C-alpha atoms as a PDB file:
ATOM      1  CA  MET A   1       0.006  -0.083   0.035  1.00  0.00           C
ATOM      2  CA  SER A   2       1.436   3.397  -0.960  1.00  0.00           C
ATOM      3  CA  LYS A   3       2.157   6.140   1.573  1.00  0.00           C
ATOM      4  CA  GLY A   4      -0.429   8.995   1.028  1.00  0.00           C
ATOM      5  CA  THR A   5      -2.959  10.995   2.509  1.00  0.00           C
ATOM      6  CA  GLY A   6      -6.120   9.058   3.191  1.00  0.00           C
ATOM      7  CA  MET A   7      -4.334   5.580   2.789  1.00  0.00           C
ATOM      8  CA  LEU A   8      -5.068   2.904   5.295  1.00  0.00           C
ATOM      9  CA  LYS A   9      -2.333   1.840   7.679  1.00  0.00           C
ATOM     10  CA  PRO A  10      -2.638  -1.926   8.202  1.00  0.00           C
ATOM     11  CA  ASP A  11       0.417  -2.122  10.244  1.00  0.00           C
ATOM     12  CA  ILE A  12      -1.702  -0.525  13.090  1.00  0.00           C
ATOM     13  CA  LEU A  13      -4.089  -3.361  13.129  1.00  0.00           C
ATOM     14  CA  SER A  14      -1.656  -6.162  12.947  1.00  0.00           C
ATOM     15  CA  LYS A  15       0.504  -4.403  15.538  1.00  0.00           C
ATOM     16  CA  ALA A  16      -2.599  -4.241  17.928  1.00  0.00           C
ATOM     17  CA  LEU A  17      -3.346  -7.845  17.452  1.00  0.00           C
ATOM     18  CA  ARG A  18       0.158  -9.011  18.031  1.00  0.00           C
ATOM     19  CA  ALA A  19       0.209  -6.783  21.191  1.00  0.00           C
ATOM     20  CA  VAL A  20      -3.057  -8.015  22.783  1.00  0.00           C
ATOM     21  CA  SER A  21      -2.504 -11.747  21.738  1.00  0.00           C
ATOM     22  CA  GLY A  22       1.173 -11.904  22.451  1.00  0.00           C
ATOM     23  CA  GLU A  23       3.311  -9.676  24.509  1.00  0.00           C
ATOM     24  CA  ARG A  24       0.447  -7.923  26.669  1.00  0.00           C
ATOM     25  CA  ARG A  25      -1.462 -11.168  27.228  1.00  0.00           C
ATOM     26  CA  GLN A  26       1.717 -12.726  28.313  1.00  0.00           C
ATOM     27  CA  SER A  27       2.522  -9.798  30.586  1.00  0.00           C
ATOM     28  CA  TYR A  28      -1.013  -9.182  32.015  1.00  0.00           C
ATOM     29  CA  GLY A  29      -2.845 -12.620  31.409  1.00  0.00           C
ATOM     30  CA  ASP A  30      -6.402 -13.284  30.359  1.00  0.00           C
ATOM     31  CA  PRO A  31      -8.195  -9.977  29.625  1.00  0.00           C
ATOM     32  CA  VAL A  32     -11.465 -11.217  30.758  1.00  0.00           C
ATOM     33  CA  GLU A  33     -10.271 -11.901  34.006  1.00  0.00           C
ATOM     34  CA  LEU A  34      -8.208  -8.703  34.197  1.00  0.00           C
ATOM     35  CA  TYR A  35     -11.072  -6.509  33.182  1.00  0.00           C
ATOM     36  CA  ARG A  36     -13.322  -8.190  35.533  1.00  0.00           C
ATOM     37  CA  ILE A  37     -10.955  -7.114  38.323  1.00  0.00           C
ATOM     38  CA  VAL A  38     -10.604  -3.712  36.999  1.00  0.00           C
ATOM     39  CA  ALA A  39     -14.298  -3.209  36.718  1.00  0.00           C
ATOM     40  CA  ALA A  40     -14.685  -4.350  40.482  1.00  0.00           C
ATOM     41  CA  PHE A  41     -12.083  -1.715  41.537  1.00  0.00           C
ATOM     42  CA  TRP A  42     -13.533   0.960  39.424  1.00  0.00           C
ATOM     43  CA  SER A  43     -16.991   0.099  40.855  1.00  0.00           C
ATOM     44  CA  ILE A  44     -15.687   0.377  44.441  1.00  0.00           C
ATOM     45  CA  ARG A  45     -14.038   3.670  43.753  1.00  0.00           C
ATOM     46  CA  LEU A  46     -16.872   5.321  41.644  1.00  0.00           C
ATOM     47  CA  GLY A  47     -19.645   3.922  43.793  1.00  0.00           C
ATOM     48  CA  HIS A  48     -21.829   2.417  40.848  1.00  0.00           C
ATOM     49  CA  THR A  49     -21.380  -0.753  38.909  1.00  0.00           C
ATOM     50  CA  VAL A  50     -18.747  -0.798  36.151  1.00  0.00           C
ATOM     51  CA  HIS A  51     -19.182  -3.841  33.890  1.00  0.00           C
ATOM     52  CA  PRO A  52     -15.868  -5.408  32.400  1.00  0.00           C
ATOM     53  CA  GLU A  53     -16.953  -4.745  28.894  1.00  0.00           C
ATOM     54  CA  GLU A  54     -17.049  -0.924  29.704  1.00  0.00           C
ATOM     55  CA  VAL A  55     -13.418  -0.927  30.868  1.00  0.00           C
ATOM     56  CA  PRO A  56     -11.598  -1.146  27.472  1.00  0.00           C
ATOM     57  CA  ASP A  57     -13.928   1.492  26.136  1.00  0.00           C
ATOM     58  CA  CYS A  58     -12.878   3.877  28.900  1.00  0.00           C
ATOM     59  CA  LEU A  59      -9.390   2.968  28.378  1.00  0.00           C
ATOM     60  CA  ALA A  60      -9.675   3.843  24.733  1.00  0.00           C
ATOM     61  CA  LEU A  61     -11.261   7.195  25.530  1.00  0.00           C
ATOM     62  CA  SER A  62      -8.021   7.984  27.514  1.00  0.00           C
ATOM     63  CA  LYS A  63      -6.120   7.183  24.331  1.00  0.00           C
ATOM     64  CA  ILE A  64      -8.449   9.475  22.438  1.00  0.00           C
ATOM     65  CA  ALA A  65      -8.022  12.425  24.851  1.00  0.00           C
ATOM     66  CA  ARG A  66      -4.081  11.689  24.787  1.00  0.00           C
ATOM     67  CA  GLY A  67      -4.320  12.007  21.062  1.00  0.00           C
ATOM     68  CA  MET A  68      -6.000  15.298  21.120  1.00  0.00           C
ATOM     69  CA  MET A  69      -3.262  16.654  23.200  1.00  0.00           C
ATOM     70  CA  HIS A  70      -0.443  15.328  21.165  1.00  0.00           C
ATOM     71  CA  TYR A  71      -0.392  13.247  17.988  1.00  0.00           C
ATOM     72  CA  LYS A  72       1.366   9.841  18.272  1.00  0.00           C
ATOM     73  CA  LEU A  73       0.726   6.889  16.021  1.00  0.00           C
ATOM     74  CA  ASP A  74       0.944   4.501  19.032  1.00  0.00           C
ATOM     75  CA  ASN A  75      -2.249   5.871  20.443  1.00  0.00           C
ATOM     76  CA  PHE A  76      -4.047   4.439  17.232  1.00  0.00           C
ATOM     77  CA  THR A  77      -2.479   1.064  17.816  1.00  0.00           C
ATOM     78  CA  ASP A  78      -3.581   0.986  21.478  1.00  0.00           C
ATOM     79  CA  ARG A  79      -7.172   2.058  20.441  1.00  0.00           C
ATOM     80  CA  ALA A  80      -7.342  -0.736  18.072  1.00  0.00           C
ATOM     81  CA  GLY A  81      -6.015  -3.226  20.687  1.00  0.00           C
ATOM     82  CA  TYR A  82      -8.631  -1.935  23.109  1.00  0.00           C
ATOM     83  CA  ALA A  83     -11.301  -2.527  20.364  1.00  0.00           C
ATOM     84  CA  GLN A  84     -10.165  -6.151  20.066  1.00  0.00           C
ATOM     85  CA  ILE A  85     -10.220  -6.679  23.734  1.00  0.00           C
ATOM     86  CA  ALA A  86     -13.741  -5.166  24.080  1.00  0.00           C
ATOM     87  CA  ALA A  87     -14.764  -7.599  21.582  1.00  0.00           C
ATOM     88  CA  THR A  88     -13.217 -10.386  23.527  1.00  0.00           C
ATOM     89  CA  VAL A  89     -14.708  -9.362  26.945  1.00  0.00           C
ATOM     90  CA  ALA A  90     -18.069  -8.598  25.580  1.00  0.00           C
ATOM     91  CA  THR A  91     -18.236 -12.064  23.846  1.00  0.00           C
ATOM     92  CA  ALA A  92     -17.301 -13.789  27.098  1.00  0.00           C
ATOM     93  CA  ALA A  93     -20.120 -11.694  28.926  1.00  0.00           C
ATOM     94  CA  GLN A  94     -22.599 -12.902  26.442  1.00  0.00           C
ATOM     95  CA  LYS A  95     -21.480 -16.451  26.526  1.00  0.00           C
ATOM     96  CA  ASN A  96     -21.963 -16.113  30.429  1.00  0.00           C
ATOM     97  CA  ASN A  97     -25.016 -14.026  30.450  1.00  0.00           C
ATOM     98  CA  THR A  98     -23.331 -11.305  32.474  1.00  0.00           C
ATOM     99  CA  SER A  99     -23.620  -8.493  30.186  1.00  0.00           C
ATOM    100  CA  PRO A 100     -25.692  -5.553  31.181  1.00  0.00           C
END
């Protein structure tokens, strides 16, 4: 794919997929379990129920805000990774009948 304005950057998607299925999964473990724990902590801190499938969306929003302050291609890669994790967590929630 040529470099030009408006062209897709497939390397972002492949980097994100490698990160969430490889290095980050090895470092942090199963995202379904991790985000269940994060949601429980956030629920305590915020005083209302946070569901695990909301966690990656909120983390992606932090990347969007960061990108508004300073452009960095890595923010797009991370957002794509959060989208993949969100799908994984939501699928698990539906399978277990725990989604809101």
